[in-house]
C-alpha atoms as a PDB file:
ATOM      1  CA  MET A   1      -0.687 -20.455  17.078  1.00  0.00           C
ATOM      2  CA  ASP A   2       2.134 -22.102  15.530  1.00  0.00           C
ATOM      3  CA  HIS A   3       5.510 -20.275  15.244  1.00  0.00           C
ATOM      4  CA  LEU A   4       5.385 -19.134  11.612  1.00  0.00           C
ATOM      5  CA  THR A   5       1.873 -17.605  12.250  1.00  0.00           C
ATOM      6  CA  LEU A   6       3.299 -15.779  15.679  1.00  0.00           C
ATOM      7  CA  VAL A   7       6.166 -14.624  13.538  1.00  0.00           C
ATOM      8  CA  VAL A   8       4.012 -13.061  10.526  1.00  0.00           C
ATOM      9  CA  SER A   9       1.669 -11.548  12.972  1.00  0.00           C
ATOM     10  CA  VAL A  10       4.642  -9.653  14.849  1.00  0.00           C
ATOM     11  CA  ILE A  11       5.935  -8.804  11.785  1.00  0.00           C
ATOM     12  CA  SER A  12       2.560  -7.325  10.287  1.00  0.00           C
ATOM     13  CA  PHE A  13       2.191  -5.103  13.519  1.00  0.00           C
ATOM     14  CA  GLY A  14       5.811  -3.742  13.308  1.00  0.00           C
ATOM     15  CA  LEU A  15       5.523  -2.817   9.457  1.00  0.00           C
ATOM     16  CA  SER A  16       2.137  -1.791   9.626  1.00  0.00           C
ATOM     17  CA  PHE A  17       2.992   0.656  12.524  1.00  0.00           C
ATOM     18  CA  LEU A  18       6.115   1.729  10.866  1.00  0.00           C
ATOM     19  CA  PHE A  19       4.701   2.507   7.426  1.00  0.00           C
ATOM     20  CA  ALA A  20       1.678   3.986   9.096  1.00  0.00           C
ATOM     21  CA  LEU A  21       3.809   6.775  10.655  1.00  0.00           C
ATOM     22  CA  GLY A  22       4.789   7.528   7.060  1.00  0.00           C
ATOM     23  CA  GLY A  23       1.200   7.824   5.777  1.00  0.00           C
ATOM     24  CA  VAL A  24       1.710   4.431   3.362  1.00  0.00           C
ATOM     25  CA  GLY A  25       0.836   0.728   3.432  1.00  0.00           C
ATOM     26  CA  SER A  26       3.333  -1.977   4.307  1.00  0.00           C
ATOM     27  CA  ALA A  27       2.677  -4.364   1.501  1.00  0.00           C
ATOM     28  CA  LEU A  28       5.798  -3.471  -0.222  1.00  0.00           C
ATOM     29  CA  VAL A  29       8.126  -4.738   2.324  1.00  0.00           C
ATOM     30  CA  LEU A  30       6.018  -7.380   3.714  1.00  0.00           C
ATOM     31  CA  ILE A  31       5.767  -9.395   0.583  1.00  0.00           C
ATOM     32  CA  PRO A  32       9.637  -9.807   0.436  1.00  0.00           C
ATOM     33  CA  THR A  33       9.988 -10.406   4.389  1.00  0.00           C
ATOM     34  CA  LEU A  34       7.336 -13.008   3.887  1.00  0.00           C
ATOM     35  CA  THR A  35       9.387 -14.864   1.036  1.00  0.00           C
ATOM     36  CA  TRP A  36      12.459 -15.047   3.161  1.00  0.00           C
ATOM     37  CA  LEU A  37      10.293 -16.270   5.718  1.00  0.00           C
ATOM     38  CA  GLY A  38       9.496 -19.312   3.416  1.00  0.00           C
ATOM     39  CA  ILE A  39       6.085 -18.534   2.404  1.00  0.00           C
ATOM     40  CA  PRO A  40       5.766 -18.831  -1.278  1.00  0.00           C
ATOM     41  CA  PHE A  41       5.818 -15.639  -3.517  1.00  0.00           C
ATOM     42  CA  ALA A  42       2.200 -16.321  -4.772  1.00  0.00           C
ATOM     43  CA  GLN A  43       0.903 -16.703  -1.034  1.00  0.00           C
ATOM     44  CA  ALA A  44       2.787 -13.678   0.104  1.00  0.00           C
ATOM     45  CA  ARG A  45       1.116 -11.297  -2.089  1.00  0.00           C
ATOM     46  CA  PRO A  46      -2.425 -11.912  -1.203  1.00  0.00           C
ATOM     47  CA  THR A  47      -1.281 -11.949   2.534  1.00  0.00           C
ATOM     48  CA  ALA A  48       0.243  -8.230   2.103  1.00  0.00           C
ATOM     49  CA  LEU A  49      -2.707  -7.229   0.365  1.00  0.00           C
ATOM     50  CA  PHE A  50      -5.334  -8.195   3.285  1.00  0.00           C
ATOM     51  CA  VAL A  51      -2.575  -6.841   5.739  1.00  0.00           C
ATOM     52  CA  ASN A  52      -2.423  -3.602   3.641  1.00  0.00           C
ATOM     53  CA  THR A  53      -6.219  -3.537   3.781  1.00  0.00           C
ATOM     54  CA  VAL A  54      -6.897  -3.755   7.372  1.00  0.00           C
ATOM     55  CA  SER A  55      -3.761  -1.545   8.494  1.00  0.00           C
ATOM     56  CA  MET A  56      -5.077   1.346   6.220  1.00  0.00           C
ATOM     57  CA  LEU A  57      -8.356   0.942   7.342  1.00  0.00           C
ATOM     58  CA  GLY A  58      -7.092   1.828  10.654  1.00  0.00           C
ATOM     59  CA  ALA A  59      -5.265   5.036   9.171  1.00  0.00           C
ATOM     60  CA  THR A  60      -8.995   5.507   7.640  1.00  0.00           C
ATOM     61  CA  VAL A  61     -10.926   5.450  10.974  1.00  0.00           C
ATOM     62  CA  SER A  62      -8.579   7.950  12.414  1.00  0.00           C
ATOM     63  CA  ASN A  63      -8.781  10.062   9.459  1.00  0.00           C
ATOM     64  CA  VAL A  64     -12.739  10.084   9.500  1.00  0.00           C
ATOM     65  CA  ARG A  65     -12.442  11.105  13.409  1.00  0.00           C
ATOM     66  CA  GLU A  66     -10.280  13.882  12.945  1.00  0.00           C
ATOM     67  CA  LYS A  67     -12.425  15.166   9.918  1.00  0.00           C
ATOM     68  CA  ARG A  68      -9.668  14.939   7.385  1.00  0.00           C
ATOM     69  CA  LEU A  69     -11.313  12.582   4.680  1.00  0.00           C
ATOM     70  CA  ASP A  70     -13.077  13.819   1.484  1.00  0.00           C
ATOM     71  CA  ILE A  71     -14.754  10.930   0.620  1.00  0.00           C
ATOM     72  CA  ARG A  72     -16.288  12.455  -2.416  1.00  0.00           C
ATOM     73  CA  LEU A  73     -12.866  13.040  -4.149  1.00  0.00           C
ATOM     74  CA  GLY A  74     -11.882   9.511  -3.226  1.00  0.00           C
ATOM     75  CA  VAL A  75     -14.716   7.946  -4.574  1.00  0.00           C
ATOM     76  CA  PRO A  76     -13.599   7.837  -8.637  1.00  0.00           C
ATOM     77  CA  ILE A  77     -10.193   6.387  -7.474  1.00  0.00           C
ATOM     78  CA  ILE A  78     -11.894   3.571  -5.422  1.00  0.00           C
ATOM     79  CA  ALA A  79     -14.078   2.673  -8.272  1.00  0.00           C
ATOM     80  CA  ALA A  80     -11.525   2.486 -11.021  1.00  0.00           C
ATOM     81  CA  SER A  81      -9.007   0.568  -8.386  1.00  0.00           C
ATOM     82  CA  VAL A  82     -11.674  -1.771  -7.188  1.00  0.00           C
ATOM     83  CA  LEU A  83     -12.492  -2.804 -10.964  1.00  0.00           C
ATOM     84  CA  LEU A  84      -8.596  -3.083 -12.398  1.00  0.00           C
ATOM     85  CA  ALA A  85      -6.938  -4.908  -9.049  1.00  0.00           C
ATOM     86  CA  PRO A  86      -8.809  -8.418 -10.112  1.00  0.00           C
ATOM     87  CA  LEU A  87      -7.313  -7.844 -13.951  1.00  0.00           C
ATOM     88  CA  GLY A  88      -3.929  -7.063 -12.203  1.00  0.00           C
ATOM     89  CA  ALA A  89      -4.333 -10.268 -10.018  1.00  0.00           C
ATOM     90  CA  TRP A  90      -5.393 -12.326 -13.238  1.00  0.00           C
ATOM     91  CA  VAL A  91      -2.417 -11.150 -15.200  1.00  0.00           C
ATOM     92  CA  SER A  92      -0.026 -11.900 -12.718  1.00  0.00           C
ATOM     93  CA  HIS A  93      -1.188 -15.574 -12.749  1.00  0.00           C
ATOM     94  CA  ARG A  94      -0.831 -15.644 -16.605  1.00  0.00           C
ATOM     95  CA  ILE A  95       3.116 -14.240 -16.878  1.00  0.00           C
ATOM     96  CA  PRO A  96       6.421 -16.018 -15.438  1.00  0.00           C
ATOM     97  CA  THR A  97       6.707 -14.965 -11.771  1.00  0.00           C
ATOM     98  CA  ARG A  98      10.293 -13.811 -12.716  1.00  0.00           C
ATOM     99  CA  ILE A  99       8.936 -11.151 -14.640  1.00  0.00           C
ATOM    100  CA  VAL A 100       6.529 -10.140 -11.962  1.00  0.00           C
ATOM    101  CA  LEU A 101       9.537  -9.994  -9.631  1.00  0.00           C
ATOM    102  CA  MET A 102      11.255  -7.857 -11.754  1.00  0.00           C
ATOM    103  CA  VAL A 103       8.169  -5.395 -12.058  1.00  0.00           C
ATOM    104  CA  PHE A 104       7.911  -5.431  -8.391  1.00  0.00           C
ATOM    105  CA  VAL A 105      11.734  -4.449  -7.803  1.00  0.00           C
ATOM    106  CA  GLY A 106      11.302  -1.441 -10.453  1.00  0.00           C
ATOM    107  CA  PHE A 107       8.203  -0.480  -8.581  1.00  0.00           C
ATOM    108  CA  LEU A 108      10.155  -0.604  -5.130  1.00  0.00           C
ATOM    109  CA  ALA A 109      12.928   1.305  -6.611  1.00  0.00           C
ATOM    110  CA  PHE A 110      10.048   3.823  -7.850  1.00  0.00           C
ATOM    111  CA  SER A 111       8.439   3.896  -4.508  1.00  0.00           C
ATOM    112  CA  GLY A 112      11.598   4.229  -2.654  1.00  0.00           C
ATOM    113  CA  SER A 113      12.695   6.999  -4.909  1.00  0.00           C
ATOM    114  CA  MET A 114       9.497   9.307  -4.447  1.00  0.00           C
ATOM    115  CA  MET A 115       9.840   9.225  -0.535  1.00  0.00           C
ATOM    116  CA  LEU A 116      13.100  10.432  -0.911  1.00  0.00           C
ATOM    117  CA  PHE A 117      13.162  12.560  -3.328  1.00  0.00           C
ATOM    118  CA  PHE A 118       9.481  13.704  -4.250  1.00  0.00           C
ATOM    119  CA  LYS A 119       9.221  17.363  -2.636  1.00  0.00           C
ATOM    120  CA  GLY A 120       5.347  17.346  -1.528  1.00  0.00           C
ATOM    121  CA  SER A 121       6.356  20.407   0.265  1.00  0.00           C
ATOM    122  CA  LYS A 122       6.313  22.676  -3.112  1.00  0.00           C
ATOM    123  CA  TYR A 123       2.636  21.468  -3.439  1.00  0.00           C
ATOM    124  CA  ALA A 124       1.900  22.559   0.079  1.00  0.00           C
ATOM    125  CA  ASP A 125       0.113  25.771  -0.958  1.00  0.00           C
ATOM    126  CA  GLN A 126      -2.205  24.017  -3.337  1.00  0.00           C
ATOM    127  CA  TYR A 127      -5.911  24.048  -2.292  1.00  0.00           C
ATOM    128  CA  ARG A 128      -7.965  22.894  -5.439  1.00  0.00           C
ATOM    129  CA  GLU A 129     -11.493  22.023  -4.366  1.00  0.00           C
ATOM    130  CA  ASP A 130     -13.036  20.620  -7.266  1.00  0.00           C
ATOM    131  CA  ARG A 131     -13.770  17.175  -7.403  1.00  0.00           C
ATOM    132  CA  PRO A 132     -13.225  16.042 -11.084  1.00  0.00           C
ATOM    133  CA  VAL A 133     -13.651  12.396 -12.358  1.00  0.00           C
ATOM    134  CA  ALA A 134     -11.657  11.697 -15.164  1.00  0.00           C
ATOM    135  CA  GLY A 135      -8.100  12.271 -13.557  1.00  0.00           C
ATOM    136  CA  PRO A 136      -8.736  10.595 -10.356  1.00  0.00           C
ATOM    137  CA  LEU A 137     -10.484   7.464 -12.243  1.00  0.00           C
ATOM    138  CA  LEU A 138      -7.010   7.155 -14.212  1.00  0.00           C
ATOM    139  CA  VAL A 139      -4.941   7.323 -10.988  1.00  0.00           C
ATOM    140  CA  GLY A 140      -7.093   4.635  -9.546  1.00  0.00           C
ATOM    141  CA  ALA A 141      -6.917   2.558 -12.339  1.00  0.00           C
ATOM    142  CA  LEU A 142      -3.236   2.611 -12.603  1.00  0.00           C
ATOM    143  CA  ALA A 143      -3.054   1.823  -8.627  1.00  0.00           C
ATOM    144  CA  GLY A 144      -5.824  -0.818  -8.722  1.00  0.00           C
ATOM    145  CA  PHE A 145      -4.007  -2.672 -11.851  1.00  0.00           C
ATOM    146  CA  PHE A 146      -0.388  -2.667 -10.009  1.00  0.00           C
ATOM    147  CA  SER A 147      -2.085  -3.428  -6.679  1.00  0.00           C
ATOM    148  CA  GLY A 148      -3.581  -6.898  -8.026  1.00  0.00           C
ATOM    149  CA  LEU A 149      -0.248  -7.570 -10.212  1.00  0.00           C
ATOM    150  CA  LEU A 150       2.254  -6.835  -7.352  1.00  0.00           C
ATOM    151  CA  GLY A 151       0.203  -7.574  -4.521  1.00  0.00           C
ATOM    152  CA  VAL A 152       0.773  -3.641  -3.124  1.00  0.00           C
ATOM    153  CA  GLY A 153      -1.700  -1.290  -2.196  1.00  0.00           C
ATOM    154  CA  GLY A 154      -0.936   1.547  -5.027  1.00  0.00           C
ATOM    155  CA  GLY A 155      -0.664   4.300  -2.458  1.00  0.00           C
ATOM    156  CA  GLY A 156       2.813   5.227  -4.105  1.00  0.00           C
ATOM    157  CA  LEU A 157       0.962   6.056  -7.298  1.00  0.00           C
ATOM    158  CA  ILE A 158      -1.971   7.607  -5.902  1.00  0.00           C
ATOM    159  CA  SER A 159      -0.257  10.557  -4.001  1.00  0.00           C
ATOM    160  CA  PRO A 160       2.220  11.896  -6.463  1.00  0.00           C
ATOM    161  CA  LEU A 161      -0.347  11.967  -9.281  1.00  0.00           C
ATOM    162  CA  MET A 162      -3.072  13.659  -7.561  1.00  0.00           C
ATOM    163  CA  MET A 163      -0.777  16.273  -6.008  1.00  0.00           C
ATOM    164  CA  ALA A 164       0.414  16.776  -9.606  1.00  0.00           C
ATOM    165  CA  GLN A 165      -3.303  17.510 -10.525  1.00  0.00           C
ATOM    166  CA  GLY A 166      -3.342  20.473  -7.961  1.00  0.00           C
ATOM    167  CA  PHE A 167      -4.585  18.576  -4.807  1.00  0.00           C
ATOM    168  CA  ASN A 168      -3.230  19.670  -1.346  1.00  0.00           C
ATOM    169  CA  PRO A 169      -0.704  17.227  -0.015  1.00  0.00           C
ATOM    170  CA  LYS A 170      -2.533  16.866   3.430  1.00  0.00           C
ATOM    171  CA  ARG A 171      -5.732  16.107   1.549  1.00  0.00           C
ATOM    172  CA  ILE A 172      -4.374  13.642  -0.587  1.00  0.00           C
ATOM    173  CA  ALA A 173      -2.940  11.529   2.288  1.00  0.00           C
ATOM    174  CA  ALA A 174      -6.403  11.092   3.835  1.00  0.00           C
ATOM    175  CA  VAL A 175      -7.787  10.180   0.526  1.00  0.00           C
ATOM    176  CA  THR A 176      -4.884   7.256  -0.387  1.00  0.00           C
ATOM    177  CA  ALA A 177      -5.613   5.924   3.006  1.00  0.00           C
ATOM    178  CA  PHE A 178      -9.407   5.869   2.283  1.00  0.00           C
ATOM    179  CA  ALA A 179      -8.672   4.355  -1.110  1.00  0.00           C
ATOM    180  CA  VAL A 180      -5.648   2.150  -0.596  1.00  0.00           C
ATOM    181  CA  PRO A 181      -7.848  -0.681   1.257  1.00  0.00           C
ATOM    182  CA  PHE A 182     -10.657  -0.765  -1.375  1.00  0.00           C
ATOM    183  CA  SER A 183      -8.059  -1.878  -4.262  1.00  0.00           C
ATOM    184  CA  SER A 184      -6.294  -4.033  -1.914  1.00  0.00           C
ATOM    185  CA  PHE A 185      -8.998  -5.836  -0.904  1.00  0.00           C
ATOM    186  CA  SER A 186     -10.617  -6.095  -4.522  1.00  0.00           C
ATOM    187  CA  ALA A 187      -7.070  -7.498  -5.664  1.00  0.00           C
ATOM    188  CA  PHE A 188      -7.225 -10.101  -2.346  1.00  0.00           C
ATOM    189  CA  LEU A 189     -10.600 -11.464  -3.435  1.00  0.00           C
ATOM    190  CA  ALA A 190      -9.028 -12.117  -6.785  1.00  0.00           C
ATOM    191  CA  TYR A 191      -6.254 -13.958  -5.236  1.00  0.00           C
ATOM    192  CA  ALA A 192      -8.639 -16.008  -2.957  1.00  0.00           C
ATOM    193  CA  ALA A 193     -10.589 -17.126  -5.527  1.00  0.00           C
ATOM    194  CA  MET A 194      -7.371 -18.464  -7.541  1.00  0.00           C
ATOM    195  CA  GLY A 195      -6.718 -20.497  -4.203  1.00  0.00           C
ATOM    196  CA  SER A 196      -3.607 -18.478  -3.180  1.00  0.00           C
ATOM    197  CA  VAL A 197      -4.269 -17.707   0.709  1.00  0.00           C
ATOM    198  CA  SER A 198      -3.836 -19.178   4.149  1.00  0.00           C
ATOM    199  CA  LEU A 199      -6.732 -18.354   6.322  1.00  0.00           C
ATOM    200  CA  ARG A 200      -5.141 -18.742   9.600  1.00  0.00           C
ATOM    201  CA  ILE A 201      -2.110 -16.563   8.560  1.00  0.00           C
ATOM    202  CA  LEU A 202      -4.585 -14.027   7.184  1.00  0.00           C
ATOM    203  CA  ALA A 203      -6.481 -13.882  10.591  1.00  0.00           C
ATOM    204  CA  CYS A 204      -3.948 -13.603  12.857  1.00  0.00           C
ATOM    205  CA  ALA A 205      -1.800 -10.943  10.601  1.00  0.00           C
ATOM    206  CA  GLY A 206      -4.859  -9.054   9.656  1.00  0.00           C
ATOM    207  CA  LEU A 207      -5.578  -8.210  13.402  1.00  0.00           C
ATOM    208  CA  ALA A 208      -2.190  -7.215  14.266  1.00  0.00           C
ATOM    209  CA  ALA A 209      -1.932  -5.184  11.249  1.00  0.00           C
ATOM    210  CA  TRP A 210      -4.947  -3.134  11.790  1.00  0.00           C
ATOM    211  CA  ALA A 211      -3.915  -2.431  15.623  1.00  0.00           C
ATOM    212  CA  GLY A 212      -0.317  -1.244  13.819  1.00  0.00           C
ATOM    213  CA  GLY A 213      -1.857   0.949  11.081  1.00  0.00           C
ATOM    214  CA  TYR A 214      -4.228   2.629  13.762  1.00  0.00           C
ATOM    215  CA  LEU A 215      -1.842   2.877  16.435  1.00  0.00           C
ATOM    216  CA  GLY A 216       1.183   4.172  13.848  1.00  0.00           C
ATOM    217  CA  THR A 217      -1.593   6.743  12.324  1.00  0.00           C
ATOM    218  CA  ARG A 218      -2.291   8.055  15.778  1.00  0.00           C
ATOM    219  CA  VAL A 219       1.392   8.465  16.563  1.00  0.00           C
ATOM    220  CA  MET A 220       1.991  10.247  13.481  1.00  0.00           C
ATOM    221  CA  GLN A 221      -0.693  12.629  13.722  1.00  0.00           C
ATOM    222  CA  ARG A 222       0.446  13.767  17.517  1.00  0.00           C
ATOM    223  CA  ASN A 223       3.963  13.480  17.575  1.00  0.00           C
ATOM    224  CA  MET A 224       6.163  13.131  14.167  1.00  0.00           C
ATOM    225  CA  LYS A 225       6.208  14.673  10.800  1.00  0.00           C
ATOM    226  CA  ALA A 226       5.475  12.211   7.733  1.00  0.00           C
ATOM    227  CA  SER A 227       8.011  13.483   5.577  1.00  0.00           C
ATOM    228  CA  SER A 228      10.830  12.606   7.879  1.00  0.00           C
ATOM    229  CA  VAL A 229       9.769   9.249   8.235  1.00  0.00           C
ATOM    230  CA  LYS A 230       9.192   8.540   4.386  1.00  0.00           C
ATOM    231  CA  LYS A 231      12.744   9.243   3.921  1.00  0.00           C
ATOM    232  CA  CYS A 232      13.951   6.582   6.230  1.00  0.00           C
ATOM    233  CA  LEU A 233      11.264   4.147   4.777  1.00  0.00           C
ATOM    234  CA  GLY A 234      12.498   5.285   1.123  1.00  0.00           C
ATOM    235  CA  VAL A 235      16.158   4.462   2.050  1.00  0.00           C
ATOM    236  CA  VAL A 236      14.394   0.656   3.240  1.00  0.00           C
ATOM    237  CA  LEU A 237      12.502   0.144   0.117  1.00  0.00           C
ATOM    238  CA  LEU A 238      15.823   1.175  -2.251  1.00  0.00           C
ATOM    239  CA  LEU A 239      17.823  -1.299  -0.084  1.00  0.00           C
ATOM    240  CA  LEU A 240      15.219  -3.791  -0.824  1.00  0.00           C
ATOM    241  CA  ALA A 241      15.398  -3.062  -4.435  1.00  0.00           C
ATOM    242  CA  VAL A 242      18.917  -3.427  -4.784  1.00  0.00           C
ATOM    243  CA  ARG A 243      18.888  -7.014  -2.518  1.00  0.00           C
ATOM    244  CA  LEU A 244      16.273  -8.530  -4.892  1.00  0.00           C
ATOM    245  CA  SER A 245      17.589  -7.113  -8.021  1.00  0.00           C
ATOM    246  CA  MET A 246      20.789  -8.908  -6.890  1.00  0.00           C
ATOM    247  CA  LYS A 247      18.720 -12.069  -6.686  1.00  0.00           C
ATOM    248  CA  LEU A 248      17.297 -12.059  -9.807  1.00  0.00           C
ATOM    249  CA  MET A 249      20.924 -12.048 -11.859  1.00  0.00           C
END
């Protein structure tokens, strides 16, 4: 294993563990981190998508074992996201990289602000039990498109939009962890088809990310409040948005 692959693997484990504590994927932070290590932006996105896939799979395995997952509610989100993620990846190769980076900075700022200021606690008493199709389909379409366009998992969109439809935050956290691997992997396959991946880095980083995501979810479920962790992660995302925007000026 060369030095760069080792560094990427360690970072993948650490970020997947840290962001799993907040119940979200690490792709948003992993992409700028990889670019600072010298990995091209076009290659950083599929790497982050693959890491997101395996790290959130680890979270989903834990949710299934603890019987927290409503699979039927997640199916429309997954179906739409899987279809739209390749379109987002295709669009990202047809527009200037600077524009994609500007959208990425905006998404960073949005996600960071949601983690800091979105009060999921006011939705804590929501217990909508039906399983609609139209609303989750739209949520999945948006999450999938941005997942492919930016190389992120789309979880930052799924959670607030589903809570706005009346679903309980704890229920949605498990559904989001279930949906993100599908949208991420669909977008990853599109990037792979366009020749933007390094198999060596993927294999090592993917294994490390799965371990980090699984361990982080277990620690969060037993010892931590995800809301508190998300506020810290929100600050990190906003700082990254500021730094990247300064580089684009």
